[in-house]
Amino acid sequence: MKNKERVSIFVDGGNFYHSTQKRGWKINYRKLINELVRGRNLVGAYYYVAPLDLDTNQERYWKHQRFLDMLKEIPKF
């Protein structure tokens, strides 16, 4: 029996956010991960980004935290 290929996904959050926002795209991260995995074994998906400063803009900070919490709900993200 042949082992499934394994895949890890790394998303540069800052660059990905700005490039998709510029185009007006809304990303469904669950669908994106499934499309990238395509039947392979997902080791993990990682979204890395610098934390926002709570003191600079509280509304933006909490919106970003809710977004990060949503990503944590995706298995292996």
C-alpha atoms as a PDB file:
ATOM      1  CA  MET A   1       0.000   0.000   0.000  1.00  0.00           C
ATOM      2  CA  LYS A   2       1.414   3.360  -1.036  1.00  0.00           C
ATOM      3  CA  ASN A   3       1.476   6.146   1.560  1.00  0.00           C
ATOM      4  CA  LYS A   4      -0.425   9.340   0.801  1.00  0.00           C
ATOM      5  CA  GLU A   5       1.641  12.415   0.083  1.00  0.00           C
ATOM      6  CA  ARG A   6       1.773  14.847   2.971  1.00  0.00           C
ATOM      7  CA  VAL A   7       1.397  18.592   2.637  1.00  0.00           C
ATOM      8  CA  SER A   8       1.895  21.598   4.912  1.00  0.00           C
ATOM      9  CA  ILE A   9       0.524  25.005   3.984  1.00  0.00           C
ATOM     10  CA  PHE A  10       2.076  28.298   5.063  1.00  0.00           C
ATOM     11  CA  VAL A  11       0.197  31.545   4.436  1.00  0.00           C
ATOM     12  CA  ASP A  12       1.948  34.902   4.793  1.00  0.00           C
ATOM     13  CA  GLY A  13      -1.088  36.603   6.317  1.00  0.00           C
ATOM     14  CA  GLY A  14      -0.110  40.204   5.682  1.00  0.00           C
ATOM     15  CA  ASN A  15       0.720  39.761   2.019  1.00  0.00           C
ATOM     16  CA  PHE A  16      -2.219  37.433   1.389  1.00  0.00           C
ATOM     17  CA  TYR A  17      -4.663  39.820   3.059  1.00  0.00           C
ATOM     18  CA  HIS A  18      -3.472  42.877   1.131  1.00  0.00           C
ATOM     19  CA  SER A  19      -3.357  41.138  -2.241  1.00  0.00           C
ATOM     20  CA  THR A  20      -6.862  39.673  -1.861  1.00  0.00           C
ATOM     21  CA  GLN A  21      -8.334  42.910  -0.451  1.00  0.00           C
ATOM     22  CA  LYS A  22      -6.915  44.880  -3.378  1.00  0.00           C
ATOM     23  CA  ARG A  23      -8.833  42.603  -5.746  1.00  0.00           C
ATOM     24  CA  GLY A  24     -11.989  42.617  -3.597  1.00  0.00           C
ATOM     25  CA  TRP A  25     -11.823  38.852  -3.023  1.00  0.00           C
ATOM     26  CA  LYS A  26     -13.483  37.175  -0.042  1.00  0.00           C
ATOM     27  CA  ILE A  27     -11.630  33.983   0.823  1.00  0.00           C
ATOM     28  CA  ASN A  28     -13.240  30.842   2.197  1.00  0.00           C
ATOM     29  CA  TYR A  29     -10.243  29.381   4.012  1.00  0.00           C
ATOM     30  CA  ARG A  30     -11.801  25.928   4.459  1.00  0.00           C
ATOM     31  CA  LYS A  31     -12.335  25.652   0.697  1.00  0.00           C
ATOM     32  CA  LEU A  32      -8.864  27.034  -0.005  1.00  0.00           C
ATOM     33  CA  ILE A  33      -7.217  24.441   2.256  1.00  0.00           C
ATOM     34  CA  ASN A  34      -9.256  21.615   0.701  1.00  0.00           C
ATOM     35  CA  GLU A  35      -8.333  22.784  -2.793  1.00  0.00           C
ATOM     36  CA  LEU A  36      -4.631  22.955  -1.944  1.00  0.00           C
ATOM     37  CA  VAL A  37      -4.618  19.567  -0.197  1.00  0.00           C
ATOM     38  CA  ARG A  38      -6.460  17.717  -3.010  1.00  0.00           C
ATOM     39  CA  GLY A  39      -6.689  14.336  -1.284  1.00  0.00           C
ATOM     40  CA  ARG A  40      -3.238  14.418   0.272  1.00  0.00           C
ATOM     41  CA  ASN A  41      -2.644  14.150   4.006  1.00  0.00           C
ATOM     42  CA  LEU A  42      -2.644  17.632   5.572  1.00  0.00           C
ATOM     43  CA  VAL A  43       0.097  17.887   8.175  1.00  0.00           C
ATOM     44  CA  GLY A  44      -0.905  21.436   9.103  1.00  0.00           C
ATOM     45  CA  ALA A  45      -1.877  24.829   7.756  1.00  0.00           C
ATOM     46  CA  TYR A  46      -0.277  27.930   9.221  1.00  0.00           C
ATOM     47  CA  TYR A  47      -1.266  31.579   8.882  1.00  0.00           C
ATOM     48  CA  TYR A  48       1.475  33.823  10.156  1.00  0.00           C
ATOM     49  CA  VAL A  49       1.039  37.525  10.748  1.00  0.00           C
ATOM     50  CA  ALA A  50       2.353  40.212  13.095  1.00  0.00           C
ATOM     51  CA  PRO A  51      -0.092  40.979  15.898  1.00  0.00           C
ATOM     52  CA  LEU A  52      -1.989  44.248  15.730  1.00  0.00           C
ATOM     53  CA  ASP A  53      -1.560  46.829  18.480  1.00  0.00           C
ATOM     54  CA  LEU A  54      -4.619  46.975  20.719  1.00  0.00           C
ATOM     55  CA  ASP A  55      -3.850  50.551  21.794  1.00  0.00           C
ATOM     56  CA  THR A  56      -3.661  51.863  18.220  1.00  0.00           C
ATOM     57  CA  ASN A  57      -7.099  50.730  17.060  1.00  0.00           C
ATOM     58  CA  GLN A  58      -9.218  48.577  19.365  1.00  0.00           C
ATOM     59  CA  GLU A  59     -11.970  47.896  16.800  1.00  0.00           C
ATOM     60  CA  ARG A  60      -9.483  46.703  14.178  1.00  0.00           C
ATOM     61  CA  TYR A  61      -7.598  44.652  16.779  1.00  0.00           C
ATOM     62  CA  TRP A  62     -10.736  42.771  17.909  1.00  0.00           C
ATOM     63  CA  LYS A  63     -11.930  42.226  14.350  1.00  0.00           C
ATOM     64  CA  HIS A  64      -8.558  40.667  13.576  1.00  0.00           C
ATOM     65  CA  GLN A  65      -8.745  38.493  16.697  1.00  0.00           C
ATOM     66  CA  ARG A  66     -12.175  37.192  15.626  1.00  0.00           C
ATOM     67  CA  PHE A  67     -10.715  36.363  12.214  1.00  0.00           C
ATOM     68  CA  LEU A  68      -7.826  34.446  13.818  1.00  0.00           C
ATOM     69  CA  ASP A  69     -10.276  32.609  16.096  1.00  0.00           C
ATOM     70  CA  MET A  70     -12.253  31.576  12.990  1.00  0.00           C
ATOM     71  CA  LEU A  71      -9.089  30.125  11.455  1.00  0.00           C
ATOM     72  CA  LYS A  72      -8.458  28.091  14.627  1.00  0.00           C
ATOM     73  CA  GLU A  73     -11.808  26.346  14.065  1.00  0.00           C
ATOM     74  CA  ILE A  74     -10.501  24.818  10.819  1.00  0.00           C
ATOM     75  CA  PRO A  75      -8.988  21.373  11.508  1.00  0.00           C
ATOM     76  CA  LYS A  76      -5.165  21.382  11.526  1.00  0.00           C
ATOM     77  CA  PHE A  77      -5.045  25.160  10.993  1.00  0.00           C
END
